Amino acid sequence: MKSPIASGTKICDNCYREEHRKKMREWRERNPDKEHKYAKESYQRNREKELARKKRDYAENRFNLQEKKKDYNLRRDFGIGLDEFKKMLADQNYKCKICGKELKIIDGEKNKDIAVVDHDHVTGKIRGILCHGCNLILGNAGDNPQLLLNAAEYLGVPPVYLSSTGTLRTTTVSHFPTDWVPY
């Protein structure tokens, strides 16, 4: 088939591009060995330039890429988007609900821990935003309050809790109180 450009026939750019893409796709299917060879040679010729471009693009878009990844993971794992996560974190004054450390949303802010979602593994309900360390503590304790109280007692800290009447109580715990409310 004669090229429309060679014959003097006018053809729109989009149609020509599609025709060219189609021919190239067909050629690649007929010549996979040559395609691989040409791609490898092209990579070798342009390796330094391509690596520099990728490095530059990553540096320019690093935070944007991290936010997109965080948004995707939040939607996949917890059904919330990055905007809702940011609002929850702002409602907590950008601090961990357990230890009070300042939190950041993504890497890049120095001297701050990355904020993670804490959720109930039974119900799937989100409890809040914690630092990674505090979330690990809860996860390693299996979300078991008695285990955490035992650990506090082991460290010599008497557990503090509110009774159902609202009075603050400290005690040596042999079992988890039935009227326990987090303080």
Protein backbone atom coordinates (compact mmCIF):
# COMPACT_ATOMS: atom_id res chain seq x y z
CA MET A 1 0.00 0.00 0.00
CA LYS A 2 1.33 3.37 -1.04
CA SER A 3 1.71 6.01 1.72
CA PRO A 4 -0.97 8.72 1.49
CA ILE A 5 1.71 11.33 2.05
CA ALA A 6 3.86 10.02 -0.82
CA SER A 7 0.87 10.03 -3.18
CA GLY A 8 0.03 13.65 -2.29
CA THR A 9 -3.34 12.73 -0.74
CA LYS A 10 -4.13 14.74 2.38
CA ILE A 11 -4.88 12.75 5.51
CA CYS A 12 -5.50 14.00 9.02
CA ASP A 13 -2.74 13.59 11.59
CA ASN A 14 -4.82 11.34 13.84
CA CYS A 15 -5.69 8.95 11.02
CA TYR A 16 -2.06 8.81 9.92
CA ARG A 17 -0.92 8.15 13.49
CA GLU A 18 -3.44 5.33 13.89
CA GLU A 19 -2.41 3.81 10.54
CA HIS A 20 1.26 4.09 11.53
CA ARG A 21 0.61 2.51 14.95
CA LYS A 22 -1.28 -0.33 13.29
CA LYS A 23 1.58 -1.02 10.87
CA MET A 24 4.16 -0.88 13.66
CA ARG A 25 2.10 -3.27 15.81
CA GLU A 26 1.83 -5.71 12.89
CA TRP A 27 5.59 -5.45 12.22
CA ARG A 28 6.39 -6.13 15.90
CA GLU A 29 4.12 -9.20 15.87
CA ARG A 30 5.87 -10.53 12.75
CA ASN A 31 9.41 -9.70 14.01
CA PRO A 32 9.58 -10.20 17.79
CA ASP A 33 13.32 -10.99 17.73
CA LYS A 34 14.17 -7.83 15.80
CA GLU A 35 11.88 -5.77 18.05
CA HIS A 36 13.67 -7.08 21.14
CA LYS A 37 17.07 -6.41 19.58
CA TYR A 38 16.13 -2.84 18.55
CA ALA A 39 14.63 -2.09 21.96
CA LYS A 40 17.77 -3.34 23.70
CA GLU A 41 20.03 -1.28 21.41
CA SER A 42 17.90 1.81 21.92
CA TYR A 43 18.04 1.36 25.68
CA GLN A 44 21.83 1.01 25.59
CA ARG A 45 22.21 4.12 23.41
CA ASN A 46 19.93 6.23 25.62
CA ARG A 47 20.49 4.58 29.01
CA GLU A 48 22.07 7.53 30.83
CA LYS A 49 19.58 10.02 29.41
CA GLU A 50 16.61 7.78 30.29
CA LEU A 51 17.83 7.15 33.84
CA ALA A 52 18.38 10.88 34.36
CA ARG A 53 14.86 11.60 33.06
CA LYS A 54 13.30 9.00 35.38
CA LYS A 55 15.26 10.34 38.35
CA ARG A 56 14.22 13.93 37.55
CA ASP A 57 10.56 12.96 37.05
CA TYR A 58 10.52 11.06 40.34
CA ALA A 59 12.11 13.96 42.23
CA GLU A 60 9.60 16.43 40.75
CA ASN A 61 6.56 14.22 41.40
CA ARG A 62 7.61 12.31 44.53
CA PHE A 63 5.04 13.77 46.92
CA ASN A 64 2.28 13.61 44.33
CA LEU A 65 3.07 9.93 43.70
CA GLN A 66 3.17 9.19 47.44
CA GLU A 67 -0.20 10.89 47.94
CA LYS A 68 -1.75 8.94 45.06
CA LYS A 69 -0.41 5.69 46.50
CA LYS A 70 -1.67 6.58 50.00
CA ASP A 71 -5.11 7.47 48.59
CA TYR A 72 -5.29 4.18 46.68
CA ASN A 73 -4.26 2.13 49.72
CA LEU A 74 -6.72 3.93 52.03
CA ARG A 75 -9.59 3.34 49.60
CA ARG A 76 -8.63 -0.31 49.10
CA ASP A 77 -8.03 -1.15 52.77
CA PHE A 78 -10.48 1.08 54.67
CA GLY A 79 -12.94 2.59 52.19
CA ILE A 80 -11.85 6.18 52.87
CA GLY A 81 -9.99 8.58 50.64
CA LEU A 82 -6.99 10.75 51.38
CA ASP A 83 -9.19 13.81 51.98
CA GLU A 84 -11.17 12.03 54.70
CA PHE A 85 -7.92 10.71 56.21
CA LYS A 86 -6.52 14.27 56.30
CA LYS A 87 -9.71 15.51 57.98
CA MET A 88 -9.51 12.77 60.63
CA LEU A 89 -5.87 13.66 61.27
CA ALA A 90 -6.70 17.37 61.53
CA ASP A 91 -9.48 16.55 64.04
CA GLN A 92 -6.77 14.89 66.16
CA ASN A 93 -4.49 17.97 65.84
CA TYR A 94 -2.04 15.90 63.76
CA LYS A 95 -1.11 13.85 66.85
CA CYS A 96 -1.20 10.15 67.68
CA LYS A 97 -4.23 9.28 69.83
CA ILE A 98 -2.09 7.17 72.18
CA CYS A 99 1.36 8.74 72.57
CA GLY A 100 0.70 12.26 71.27
CA LYS A 101 3.56 12.29 68.74
CA GLU A 102 3.21 14.68 65.82
CA LEU A 103 2.18 12.83 62.69
CA LYS A 104 2.71 13.36 58.99
CA ILE A 105 0.70 12.01 56.09
CA ILE A 106 3.58 10.99 53.83
CA ASP A 107 7.37 10.84 53.94
CA GLY A 108 9.28 14.07 53.60
CA GLU A 109 8.44 15.89 56.82
CA LYS A 110 11.34 15.38 59.21
CA ASN A 111 10.98 14.55 62.92
CA LYS A 112 7.44 13.21 62.54
CA ASP A 113 6.04 9.70 62.40
CA ILE A 114 3.86 8.59 59.49
CA ALA A 115 0.18 8.46 60.37
CA VAL A 116 -1.55 5.09 60.02
CA VAL A 117 -5.19 4.06 60.33
CA ASP A 118 -6.09 2.02 63.40
CA HIS A 119 -9.16 -0.18 63.00
CA ASP A 120 -11.01 -2.92 64.82
CA HIS A 121 -10.10 -6.22 63.16
CA VAL A 122 -13.44 -7.78 64.07
CA THR A 123 -15.82 -5.04 62.90
CA GLY A 124 -13.50 -3.26 60.47
CA LYS A 125 -14.54 0.08 62.03
CA ILE A 126 -11.87 2.79 62.07
CA ARG A 127 -10.92 3.83 65.62
CA GLY A 128 -8.54 6.64 64.81
CA ILE A 129 -5.14 7.63 63.48
CA LEU A 130 -2.01 6.45 65.30
CA CYS A 131 1.73 6.51 64.83
CA HIS A 132 3.22 3.33 63.43
CA GLY A 133 4.71 2.31 66.79
CA CYS A 134 1.46 2.58 68.73
CA ASN A 135 -0.43 0.74 66.00
CA LEU A 136 2.16 -2.07 66.24
CA ILE A 137 1.66 -2.25 70.01
CA LEU A 138 -2.09 -2.74 69.57
CA GLY A 139 -1.60 -5.21 66.75
CA ASN A 140 0.97 -7.27 68.63
CA ALA A 141 -1.34 -7.33 71.66
CA GLY A 142 -4.10 -8.65 69.40
CA ASP A 143 -6.29 -5.68 70.40
CA ASN A 144 -6.60 -7.37 73.81
CA PRO A 145 -7.06 -4.75 76.58
CA GLN A 146 -6.24 -7.30 79.31
CA LEU A 147 -2.88 -8.02 77.72
CA LEU A 148 -2.11 -4.29 77.59
CA LEU A 149 -3.14 -3.87 81.25
CA ASN A 150 -0.93 -6.80 82.19
CA ALA A 151 1.97 -5.16 80.34
CA ALA A 152 1.34 -1.85 82.18
CA GLU A 153 1.24 -3.68 85.51
CA TYR A 154 4.46 -5.50 84.58
CA LEU A 155 6.09 -2.10 83.99
CA GLY A 156 4.89 -1.00 87.44
CA VAL A 157 2.17 1.34 86.23
CA PRO A 158 -1.17 0.77 87.91
CA PRO A 159 -3.99 0.68 85.34
CA VAL A 160 -6.33 3.65 85.32
CA TYR A 161 -9.94 3.29 84.28
CA LEU A 162 -13.34 4.85 84.75
CA SER A 163 -16.05 2.89 86.44
CA SER A 164 -19.58 2.98 85.08
CA THR A 165 -20.35 5.63 87.73
CA GLY A 166 -17.68 7.87 86.22
CA THR A 167 -15.19 7.69 89.07
CA LEU A 168 -11.51 7.37 88.28
CA ARG A 169 -10.01 4.20 89.74
CA THR A 170 -6.58 2.64 89.88
CA THR A 171 -6.13 -0.91 90.98
CA THR A 172 -4.06 -4.02 90.65
CA VAL A 173 -5.88 -5.95 87.98
CA SER A 174 -6.38 -9.69 88.15
CA HIS A 175 -9.09 -9.57 85.51
CA PHE A 176 -10.38 -6.95 83.10
CA PRO A 177 -13.16 -4.87 84.75
CA THR A 178 -16.58 -5.36 83.18
CA ASP A 179 -17.46 -1.66 83.56
CA TRP A 180 -14.25 -0.45 81.89
CA VAL A 181 -14.32 2.75 79.83
CA PRO A 182 -11.06 4.05 78.30
CA TYR A 183 -9.75 7.12 80.12
